[in-house]
Amino acid sequence: PRVCNESQCGCKYCHTSDRCLTIEEYDMTCEDDMCSGTSVEILGYEYDIESTTAIALSDGQHNDEKGPVTDPVFYEPGVPGFSGPFPEGIKCLRNLTVINLSSNFFSGSIPNWIGNLTNLTNLTLSHNEFNGTLPPEMQQLTNLISLKLDHTYLSGEIPTWIGNLNLNRFDTRRNL
């Protein structure tokens, strides 16, 4: 799918065949394309879509089953962390129980699709530059026991649905 000139098919979103797509069809096609294989690339690392249960990209390092791995392509000594939006490929890892993106420079909003990762028990986004509010889709994370959002730029009221989650740990220190 690609954004195309409206004169090509009368709409903003087109498939490679130039067939018009609604925004919903476009989003689903993009997700299908990204998640259609057996693995997905996230910040230069391949993750098996079915078997990956934890992803740790903290302090600018990728952690595999043996521990931290520093890759000079994505990590420079003295430049502490990854940057950019929430890594989109994570949405393909439906069996995740743990996401740790702490101590980086990820920015933008927390994506709505996070609510689709219903096996999550631990979500750590601390020490990043995320902003906005918590997406309401997060209330679908009924297995979540630890939610760490401290030292970010999140703002607004804590949603009432947070009380419906069975959190043992909920940290929002040092936010706006």
N, C-alpha and C. Protein backbone atom coordinates (compact mmCIF):
# COMPACT_ATOMS: atom_id res chain seq x y z
N PRO A 1 0.83 -1.19 0.00
CA PRO A 1 0.00 0.00 0.00
C PRO A 1 0.87 1.24 0.00
N ARG A 2 0.35 2.26 -0.59
CA ARG A 2 1.11 3.50 -0.63
C ARG A 2 0.15 4.68 -0.68
N VAL A 3 0.66 5.81 -0.23
CA VAL A 3 -0.11 7.04 -0.37
C VAL A 3 0.08 7.47 -1.81
N CYS A 4 -1.01 7.78 -2.47
CA CYS A 4 -0.89 8.15 -3.88
C CYS A 4 -1.65 9.44 -4.14
N ASN A 5 -1.42 9.97 -5.27
CA ASN A 5 -2.07 11.18 -5.71
C ASN A 5 -3.56 10.91 -5.86
N GLU A 6 -4.39 11.80 -5.31
CA GLU A 6 -5.83 11.58 -5.36
C GLU A 6 -6.35 11.43 -6.78
N SER A 7 -5.68 12.03 -7.74
CA SER A 7 -6.15 11.94 -9.12
C SER A 7 -5.97 10.53 -9.68
N GLN A 8 -5.11 9.71 -9.05
CA GLN A 8 -4.90 8.35 -9.53
C GLN A 8 -6.11 7.46 -9.29
N CYS A 9 -6.72 7.60 -8.10
CA CYS A 9 -7.86 6.72 -7.82
C CYS A 9 -8.94 7.42 -7.02
N GLY A 10 -8.83 8.72 -6.84
CA GLY A 10 -9.86 9.47 -6.16
C GLY A 10 -9.81 9.41 -4.65
N CYS A 11 -8.76 8.86 -4.09
CA CYS A 11 -8.61 8.82 -2.64
C CYS A 11 -7.14 8.92 -2.27
N LYS A 12 -6.86 9.03 -1.00
CA LYS A 12 -5.49 9.24 -0.56
C LYS A 12 -4.70 7.93 -0.48
N TYR A 13 -5.37 6.83 -0.18
CA TYR A 13 -4.67 5.57 0.04
C TYR A 13 -4.95 4.59 -1.08
N CYS A 14 -3.91 4.03 -1.65
CA CYS A 14 -4.05 3.09 -2.75
C CYS A 14 -3.23 1.85 -2.47
N HIS A 15 -3.68 0.74 -2.96
CA HIS A 15 -2.91 -0.49 -2.92
C HIS A 15 -1.96 -0.43 -4.10
N THR A 16 -1.02 -1.34 -4.19
CA THR A 16 -0.08 -1.34 -5.31
C THR A 16 -0.81 -1.46 -6.65
N SER A 17 -2.01 -1.99 -6.63
CA SER A 17 -2.79 -2.10 -7.86
C SER A 17 -3.55 -0.81 -8.16
N ASP A 18 -3.33 0.23 -7.33
CA ASP A 18 -4.03 1.52 -7.44
C ASP A 18 -5.50 1.43 -7.07
N ARG A 19 -5.90 0.32 -6.44
CA ARG A 19 -7.28 0.21 -5.94
C ARG A 19 -7.39 1.09 -4.70
N CYS A 20 -8.48 1.84 -4.59
CA CYS A 20 -8.70 2.70 -3.44
C CYS A 20 -8.91 1.86 -2.18
N LEU A 21 -8.37 2.34 -1.08
CA LEU A 21 -8.53 1.68 0.21
C LEU A 21 -9.07 2.68 1.22
N THR A 22 -9.91 2.23 2.11
CA THR A 22 -10.28 3.07 3.24
C THR A 22 -9.08 3.10 4.18
N ILE A 23 -9.06 4.02 5.13
CA ILE A 23 -7.95 4.08 6.07
C ILE A 23 -7.87 2.78 6.87
N GLU A 24 -9.00 2.17 7.20
CA GLU A 24 -9.00 0.91 7.94
C GLU A 24 -8.38 -0.21 7.10
N GLU A 25 -8.77 -0.29 5.82
CA GLU A 25 -8.19 -1.30 4.94
C GLU A 25 -6.69 -1.08 4.78
N TYR A 26 -6.29 0.18 4.67
CA TYR A 26 -4.89 0.53 4.52
C TYR A 26 -4.10 0.07 5.75
N ASP A 27 -4.61 0.39 6.95
CA ASP A 27 -3.94 0.00 8.18
C ASP A 27 -3.82 -1.52 8.29
N MET A 28 -4.89 -2.25 7.95
CA MET A 28 -4.85 -3.71 8.03
C MET A 28 -3.89 -4.28 7.01
N THR A 29 -3.83 -3.72 5.81
CA THR A 29 -2.91 -4.21 4.79
C THR A 29 -1.48 -3.99 5.23
N CYS A 30 -1.20 -2.82 5.82
CA CYS A 30 0.15 -2.56 6.31
C CYS A 30 0.53 -3.56 7.39
N GLU A 31 -0.39 -3.82 8.33
CA GLU A 31 -0.10 -4.76 9.39
C GLU A 31 0.09 -6.16 8.81
N ASP A 32 -0.76 -6.54 7.86
CA ASP A 32 -0.63 -7.85 7.24
C ASP A 32 0.72 -7.99 6.56
N ASP A 33 1.16 -6.94 5.86
CA ASP A 33 2.45 -6.99 5.18
C ASP A 33 3.58 -7.14 6.18
N MET A 34 3.56 -6.37 7.25
CA MET A 34 4.63 -6.38 8.23
C MET A 34 4.66 -7.68 9.01
N CYS A 35 3.51 -8.23 9.32
CA CYS A 35 3.41 -9.38 10.21
C CYS A 35 3.15 -10.69 9.48
N SER A 36 3.28 -10.71 8.17
CA SER A 36 2.87 -11.89 7.42
C SER A 36 3.91 -13.00 7.40
N GLY A 37 5.15 -12.71 7.73
CA GLY A 37 6.18 -13.74 7.71
C GLY A 37 6.29 -14.48 9.04
N THR A 38 7.42 -15.14 9.23
CA THR A 38 7.67 -15.84 10.49
C THR A 38 8.47 -14.99 11.46
N SER A 39 9.06 -13.90 10.95
CA SER A 39 9.83 -13.02 11.82
C SER A 39 9.58 -11.57 11.42
N VAL A 40 9.94 -10.67 12.33
CA VAL A 40 9.79 -9.25 12.07
C VAL A 40 11.08 -8.56 12.52
N GLU A 41 11.50 -7.55 11.78
CA GLU A 41 12.70 -6.80 12.13
C GLU A 41 12.30 -5.59 12.97
N ILE A 42 12.98 -5.45 14.09
CA ILE A 42 12.75 -4.31 14.98
C ILE A 42 14.12 -3.72 15.30
N LEU A 43 14.36 -2.52 14.87
CA LEU A 43 15.62 -1.82 15.10
C LEU A 43 16.83 -2.66 14.72
N GLY A 44 16.72 -3.35 13.59
CA GLY A 44 17.83 -4.12 13.07
C GLY A 44 17.96 -5.53 13.59
N TYR A 45 17.07 -5.97 14.45
CA TYR A 45 17.11 -7.31 15.02
C TYR A 45 15.88 -8.08 14.58
N GLU A 46 16.08 -9.36 14.27
CA GLU A 46 14.98 -10.22 13.86
C GLU A 46 14.37 -10.91 15.07
N TYR A 47 13.05 -10.89 15.15
CA TYR A 47 12.32 -11.56 16.23
C TYR A 47 11.33 -12.53 15.61
N ASP A 48 11.31 -13.76 16.13
CA ASP A 48 10.35 -14.75 15.68
C ASP A 48 8.96 -14.34 16.17
N ILE A 49 8.02 -14.24 15.26
CA ILE A 49 6.69 -13.74 15.58
C ILE A 49 5.96 -14.62 16.59
N GLU A 50 6.09 -15.92 16.49
CA GLU A 50 5.35 -16.83 17.37
C GLU A 50 6.04 -17.07 18.71
N SER A 51 7.36 -17.21 18.71
CA SER A 51 8.03 -17.66 19.93
C SER A 51 8.57 -16.54 20.82
N THR A 52 8.63 -15.32 20.34
CA THR A 52 9.16 -14.23 21.16
C THR A 52 8.16 -13.85 22.24
N THR A 53 8.58 -13.96 23.50
CA THR A 53 7.71 -13.61 24.62
C THR A 53 8.21 -12.38 25.38
N ALA A 54 9.44 -11.95 25.10
CA ALA A 54 9.97 -10.77 25.78
C ALA A 54 10.85 -9.99 24.82
N ILE A 55 10.75 -8.68 24.91
CA ILE A 55 11.63 -7.82 24.13
C ILE A 55 12.16 -6.75 25.07
N ALA A 56 13.49 -6.66 25.11
CA ALA A 56 14.14 -5.67 25.97
C ALA A 56 15.10 -4.86 25.11
N LEU A 57 14.77 -3.60 24.94
CA LEU A 57 15.60 -2.67 24.18
C LEU A 57 15.93 -1.50 25.10
N SER A 58 16.47 -1.80 26.25
CA SER A 58 16.74 -0.76 27.23
C SER A 58 18.17 -0.26 27.10
N ASP A 59 18.36 1.01 27.43
CA ASP A 59 19.68 1.64 27.41
C ASP A 59 20.37 1.52 26.05
N GLY A 60 19.60 1.50 24.98
CA GLY A 60 20.20 1.44 23.65
C GLY A 60 20.78 0.09 23.31
N GLN A 61 20.40 -0.93 24.05
CA GLN A 61 20.92 -2.27 23.79
C GLN A 61 19.78 -3.23 23.53
N HIS A 62 20.08 -4.18 22.67
CA HIS A 62 19.16 -5.29 22.40
C HIS A 62 19.55 -6.41 23.34
N ASN A 63 18.59 -7.02 24.00
CA ASN A 63 18.89 -8.14 24.89
C ASN A 63 18.37 -9.41 24.27
N ASP A 64 19.26 -10.39 24.12
CA ASP A 64 18.80 -11.69 23.68
C ASP A 64 18.85 -12.65 24.87
N GLU A 65 18.67 -13.92 24.61
CA GLU A 65 18.61 -14.88 25.72
C GLU A 65 19.91 -14.95 26.52
N LYS A 66 21.02 -14.45 25.98
CA LYS A 66 22.30 -14.48 26.69
C LYS A 66 22.58 -13.17 27.44
N GLY A 67 21.76 -12.16 27.23
CA GLY A 67 21.97 -10.88 27.90
C GLY A 67 22.14 -9.74 26.92
N PRO A 68 22.67 -8.59 27.38
CA PRO A 68 22.78 -7.41 26.52
C PRO A 68 23.73 -7.61 25.34
N VAL A 69 23.32 -7.10 24.19
CA VAL A 69 24.14 -7.11 22.99
C VAL A 69 24.24 -5.68 22.50
N THR A 70 25.44 -5.16 22.36
CA THR A 70 25.62 -3.81 21.86
C THR A 70 25.99 -3.89 20.39
N ASP A 71 25.23 -3.25 19.56
CA ASP A 71 25.46 -3.26 18.12
C ASP A 71 25.88 -1.86 17.69
N PRO A 72 27.08 -1.68 17.16
CA PRO A 72 27.56 -0.34 16.81
C PRO A 72 26.73 0.36 15.73
N VAL A 73 25.93 -0.38 14.98
CA VAL A 73 25.07 0.25 13.97
C VAL A 73 24.00 1.08 14.66
N PHE A 74 23.48 0.58 15.79
CA PHE A 74 22.38 1.26 16.46
C PHE A 74 22.77 1.88 17.79
N TYR A 75 23.98 1.65 18.24
CA TYR A 75 24.39 2.15 19.55
C TYR A 75 25.80 2.69 19.49
N GLU A 76 25.97 3.93 19.89
CA GLU A 76 27.29 4.54 19.96
C GLU A 76 27.61 4.82 21.41
N PRO A 77 28.80 4.45 21.86
CA PRO A 77 29.16 4.81 23.23
C PRO A 77 29.02 6.31 23.45
N GLY A 78 28.44 6.69 24.55
CA GLY A 78 28.23 8.10 24.85
C GLY A 78 26.92 8.65 24.32
N VAL A 79 26.24 7.90 23.45
CA VAL A 79 24.92 8.29 22.96
C VAL A 79 23.95 7.25 23.52
N PRO A 80 23.36 7.57 24.67
CA PRO A 80 22.63 6.54 25.41
C PRO A 80 21.23 6.25 24.91
N GLY A 81 21.08 5.42 23.93
CA GLY A 81 19.75 4.94 23.64
C GLY A 81 19.28 5.01 22.21
N PHE A 82 18.22 4.25 21.96
CA PHE A 82 17.51 4.28 20.69
C PHE A 82 16.62 5.51 20.67
N SER A 83 16.22 5.93 19.48
CA SER A 83 15.31 7.07 19.37
C SER A 83 14.28 6.78 18.28
N GLY A 84 13.30 7.66 18.19
CA GLY A 84 12.24 7.51 17.20
C GLY A 84 10.94 7.11 17.86
N PRO A 85 9.93 6.80 17.05
CA PRO A 85 8.63 6.42 17.61
C PRO A 85 8.68 5.01 18.22
N PHE A 86 7.62 4.67 18.92
CA PHE A 86 7.46 3.32 19.47
C PHE A 86 7.69 2.33 18.34
N PRO A 87 8.60 1.37 18.48
CA PRO A 87 8.91 0.44 17.37
C PRO A 87 7.67 -0.32 16.91
N GLU A 88 7.25 -0.06 15.68
CA GLU A 88 5.99 -0.59 15.17
C GLU A 88 5.97 -2.11 15.03
N GLY A 89 7.12 -2.71 14.75
CA GLY A 89 7.17 -4.16 14.58
C GLY A 89 6.76 -4.93 15.81
N ILE A 90 6.80 -4.29 16.97
CA ILE A 90 6.41 -4.96 18.21
C ILE A 90 4.96 -5.45 18.12
N LYS A 91 4.13 -4.76 17.34
CA LYS A 91 2.71 -5.17 17.26
C LYS A 91 2.54 -6.56 16.67
N CYS A 92 3.54 -7.06 15.97
CA CYS A 92 3.47 -8.40 15.38
C CYS A 92 3.73 -9.50 16.39
N LEU A 93 4.33 -9.16 17.52
CA LEU A 93 4.75 -10.15 18.51
C LEU A 93 3.61 -10.40 19.50
N ARG A 94 2.59 -11.08 19.07
CA ARG A 94 1.34 -11.26 19.82
C ARG A 94 1.50 -12.06 21.11
N ASN A 95 2.60 -12.81 21.26
CA ASN A 95 2.78 -13.63 22.46
C ASN A 95 3.67 -12.97 23.50
N LEU A 96 3.95 -11.69 23.33
CA LEU A 96 4.80 -10.99 24.29
C LEU A 96 4.17 -10.96 25.67
N THR A 97 5.00 -11.21 26.67
CA THR A 97 4.59 -11.00 28.05
C THR A 97 5.34 -9.82 28.66
N VAL A 98 6.51 -9.49 28.10
CA VAL A 98 7.34 -8.42 28.64
C VAL A 98 7.81 -7.50 27.51
N ILE A 99 7.62 -6.19 27.71
CA ILE A 99 8.23 -5.17 26.85
C ILE A 99 8.99 -4.22 27.78
N ASN A 100 10.28 -4.06 27.52
CA ASN A 100 11.09 -3.10 28.26
C ASN A 100 11.81 -2.20 27.25
N LEU A 101 11.37 -0.96 27.15
CA LEU A 101 11.99 0.02 26.27
C LEU A 101 12.64 1.14 27.08
N SER A 102 12.96 0.89 28.33
CA SER A 102 13.41 1.93 29.24
C SER A 102 14.76 2.55 28.85
N SER A 103 14.93 3.79 29.29
CA SER A 103 16.19 4.53 29.16
C SER A 103 16.66 4.67 27.72
N ASN A 104 15.78 5.18 26.89
CA ASN A 104 16.07 5.48 25.50
C ASN A 104 15.54 6.87 25.18
N PHE A 105 15.38 7.16 23.92
CA PHE A 105 14.82 8.43 23.49
C PHE A 105 13.63 8.21 22.56
N PHE A 106 12.86 7.15 22.82
CA PHE A 106 11.65 6.92 22.05
C PHE A 106 10.69 8.07 22.32
N SER A 107 9.96 8.48 21.30
CA SER A 107 9.08 9.65 21.44
C SER A 107 7.76 9.41 20.73
N GLY A 108 6.87 10.39 20.88
CA GLY A 108 5.54 10.29 20.28
C GLY A 108 4.59 9.62 21.25
N SER A 109 3.45 9.25 20.74
CA SER A 109 2.43 8.67 21.61
C SER A 109 2.60 7.15 21.71
N ILE A 110 2.02 6.61 22.75
CA ILE A 110 1.96 5.15 22.88
C ILE A 110 0.89 4.69 21.90
N PRO A 111 1.22 3.75 21.01
CA PRO A 111 0.26 3.38 19.96
C PRO A 111 -0.97 2.64 20.50
N ASN A 112 -2.08 2.84 19.82
CA ASN A 112 -3.33 2.17 20.20
C ASN A 112 -3.23 0.65 20.12
N TRP A 113 -2.44 0.15 19.16
CA TRP A 113 -2.35 -1.31 18.99
C TRP A 113 -1.72 -2.01 20.19
N ILE A 114 -1.14 -1.28 21.13
CA ILE A 114 -0.58 -1.91 22.33
C ILE A 114 -1.64 -2.73 23.04
N GLY A 115 -2.90 -2.32 22.94
CA GLY A 115 -3.99 -3.05 23.58
C GLY A 115 -4.23 -4.43 22.99
N ASN A 116 -3.69 -4.70 21.81
CA ASN A 116 -3.84 -6.02 21.18
C ASN A 116 -2.87 -7.04 21.76
N LEU A 117 -1.87 -6.60 22.52
CA LEU A 117 -0.87 -7.50 23.09
C LEU A 117 -1.35 -7.98 24.45
N THR A 118 -2.41 -8.74 24.44
CA THR A 118 -3.15 -9.07 25.66
C THR A 118 -2.43 -10.05 26.59
N ASN A 119 -1.30 -10.62 26.17
CA ASN A 119 -0.52 -11.48 27.05
C ASN A 119 0.46 -10.71 27.91
N LEU A 120 0.58 -9.41 27.69
CA LEU A 120 1.55 -8.60 28.43
C LEU A 120 1.30 -8.66 29.93
N THR A 121 2.39 -8.92 30.67
CA THR A 121 2.33 -8.84 32.12
C THR A 121 3.17 -7.67 32.63
N ASN A 122 4.20 -7.31 31.87
CA ASN A 122 5.11 -6.23 32.28
C ASN A 122 5.37 -5.29 31.11
N LEU A 123 5.09 -4.02 31.31
CA LEU A 123 5.33 -2.99 30.30
C LEU A 123 6.11 -1.86 30.94
N THR A 124 7.36 -1.68 30.49
CA THR A 124 8.23 -0.65 31.04
C THR A 124 8.63 0.31 29.92
N LEU A 125 8.15 1.55 30.03
CA LEU A 125 8.46 2.59 29.04
C LEU A 125 9.17 3.77 29.70
N SER A 126 9.68 3.57 30.89
CA SER A 126 10.31 4.63 31.69
C SER A 126 11.50 5.27 30.98
N HIS A 127 11.76 6.53 31.37
CA HIS A 127 12.93 7.27 30.90
C HIS A 127 12.97 7.35 29.37
N ASN A 128 11.88 7.81 28.79
CA ASN A 128 11.78 8.04 27.35
C ASN A 128 11.09 9.39 27.15
N GLU A 129 10.79 9.70 25.92
CA GLU A 129 10.15 10.98 25.60
C GLU A 129 8.74 10.79 25.07
N PHE A 130 8.07 9.72 25.49
CA PHE A 130 6.68 9.51 25.08
C PHE A 130 5.83 10.66 25.60
N ASN A 131 4.82 11.04 24.81
CA ASN A 131 3.94 12.14 25.23
C ASN A 131 2.49 11.77 24.97
N GLY A 132 1.60 12.67 25.36
CA GLY A 132 0.18 12.42 25.19
C GLY A 132 -0.38 11.68 26.39
N THR A 133 -1.47 10.99 26.15
CA THR A 133 -2.16 10.26 27.21
C THR A 133 -2.09 8.75 26.94
N LEU A 134 -2.49 7.98 27.92
CA LEU A 134 -2.54 6.53 27.72
C LEU A 134 -3.70 6.19 26.81
N PRO A 135 -3.44 5.38 25.76
CA PRO A 135 -4.56 5.03 24.88
C PRO A 135 -5.57 4.15 25.61
N PRO A 136 -6.86 4.38 25.39
CA PRO A 136 -7.88 3.59 26.08
C PRO A 136 -7.79 2.10 25.76
N GLU A 137 -7.18 1.75 24.64
CA GLU A 137 -7.02 0.34 24.28
C GLU A 137 -6.18 -0.42 25.30
N MET A 138 -5.40 0.30 26.10
CA MET A 138 -4.58 -0.36 27.12
C MET A 138 -5.42 -1.06 28.18
N GLN A 139 -6.67 -0.68 28.30
CA GLN A 139 -7.52 -1.35 29.30
C GLN A 139 -7.78 -2.81 28.95
N GLN A 140 -7.43 -3.20 27.72
CA GLN A 140 -7.55 -4.60 27.30
C GLN A 140 -6.41 -5.46 27.83
N LEU A 141 -5.41 -4.83 28.46
CA LEU A 141 -4.24 -5.55 28.96
C LEU A 141 -4.54 -6.12 30.36
N THR A 142 -5.46 -7.03 30.42
CA THR A 142 -5.96 -7.53 31.69
C THR A 142 -4.96 -8.43 32.42
N ASN A 143 -3.90 -8.88 31.76
CA ASN A 143 -2.87 -9.68 32.41
C ASN A 143 -1.73 -8.82 32.97
N LEU A 144 -1.79 -7.53 32.72
CA LEU A 144 -0.71 -6.63 33.12
C LEU A 144 -0.63 -6.53 34.64
N ILE A 145 0.58 -6.76 35.19
CA ILE A 145 0.79 -6.62 36.63
C ILE A 145 1.79 -5.51 36.96
N SER A 146 2.57 -5.09 35.96
CA SER A 146 3.54 -4.02 36.19
C SER A 146 3.52 -3.06 35.01
N LEU A 147 3.28 -1.78 35.31
CA LEU A 147 3.24 -0.72 34.30
C LEU A 147 4.11 0.43 34.79
N LYS A 148 5.26 0.60 34.14
CA LYS A 148 6.21 1.63 34.54
C LYS A 148 6.28 2.69 33.45
N LEU A 149 5.82 3.88 33.79
CA LEU A 149 5.75 5.00 32.85
C LEU A 149 6.48 6.22 33.41
N ASP A 150 7.32 6.04 34.40
CA ASP A 150 7.98 7.17 35.05
C ASP A 150 9.00 7.83 34.13
N HIS A 151 9.23 9.11 34.39
CA HIS A 151 10.22 9.91 33.67
C HIS A 151 9.96 9.93 32.15
N THR A 152 8.73 10.20 31.78
CA THR A 152 8.37 10.42 30.37
C THR A 152 7.67 11.77 30.30
N TYR A 153 7.07 12.07 29.17
CA TYR A 153 6.36 13.33 29.01
C TYR A 153 4.86 13.10 28.87
N LEU A 154 4.37 12.00 29.42
CA LEU A 154 2.94 11.72 29.38
C LEU A 154 2.21 12.77 30.21
N SER A 155 1.00 13.08 29.80
CA SER A 155 0.24 14.12 30.48
C SER A 155 -1.22 13.71 30.63
N GLY A 156 -1.96 14.53 31.36
CA GLY A 156 -3.38 14.27 31.54
C GLY A 156 -3.66 13.48 32.80
N GLU A 157 -4.93 13.25 33.02
CA GLU A 157 -5.38 12.50 34.18
C GLU A 157 -5.08 11.01 34.00
N ILE A 158 -4.88 10.33 35.11
CA ILE A 158 -4.76 8.87 35.06
C ILE A 158 -6.16 8.33 34.78
N PRO A 159 -6.32 7.54 33.72
CA PRO A 159 -7.65 7.05 33.36
C PRO A 159 -8.26 6.18 34.46
N THR A 160 -9.55 6.27 34.61
CA THR A 160 -10.23 5.48 35.65
C THR A 160 -10.10 3.98 35.41
N TRP A 161 -10.00 3.56 34.14
CA TRP A 161 -9.90 2.14 33.84
C TRP A 161 -8.63 1.51 34.40
N ILE A 162 -7.62 2.31 34.75
CA ILE A 162 -6.39 1.77 35.35
C ILE A 162 -6.75 0.97 36.61
N GLY A 163 -7.76 1.43 37.35
CA GLY A 163 -8.19 0.74 38.56
C GLY A 163 -8.75 -0.65 38.31
N ASN A 164 -9.14 -0.94 37.07
CA ASN A 164 -9.68 -2.25 36.72
C ASN A 164 -8.59 -3.27 36.42
N LEU A 165 -7.35 -2.81 36.24
CA LEU A 165 -6.24 -3.72 35.98
C LEU A 165 -5.72 -4.23 37.32
N ASN A 166 -5.13 -5.40 37.32
CA ASN A 166 -4.59 -6.00 38.54
C ASN A 166 -3.11 -5.68 38.71
N LEU A 167 -2.80 -4.40 38.72
CA LEU A 167 -1.40 -3.97 38.78
C LEU A 167 -0.82 -4.12 40.19
N ASN A 168 0.35 -4.76 40.26
CA ASN A 168 1.13 -4.80 41.49
C ASN A 168 2.06 -3.58 41.56
N ARG A 169 2.41 -3.09 40.38
CA ARG A 169 3.28 -1.92 40.30
C ARG A 169 2.78 -0.99 39.21
N PHE A 170 2.61 0.28 39.58
CA PHE A 170 2.18 1.32 38.65
C PHE A 170 2.97 2.57 38.98
N ASP A 171 3.87 2.95 38.09
CA ASP A 171 4.80 4.06 38.36
C ASP A 171 4.64 5.14 37.30
N THR A 172 4.24 6.32 37.74
CA THR A 172 4.09 7.46 36.83
C THR A 172 4.86 8.69 37.34
N ARG A 173 5.85 8.47 38.18
CA ARG A 173 6.62 9.59 38.71
C ARG A 173 7.24 10.42 37.59
N ARG A 174 7.38 11.68 37.85
CA ARG A 174 8.09 12.62 36.97
C ARG A 174 7.54 12.68 35.56
N ASN A 175 6.24 12.86 35.47
CA ASN A 175 5.58 13.11 34.18
C ASN A 175 4.99 14.50 34.25
N LEU A 176 4.48 14.97 33.12
CA LEU A 176 3.89 16.31 33.09
C LEU A 176 2.55 16.34 33.76
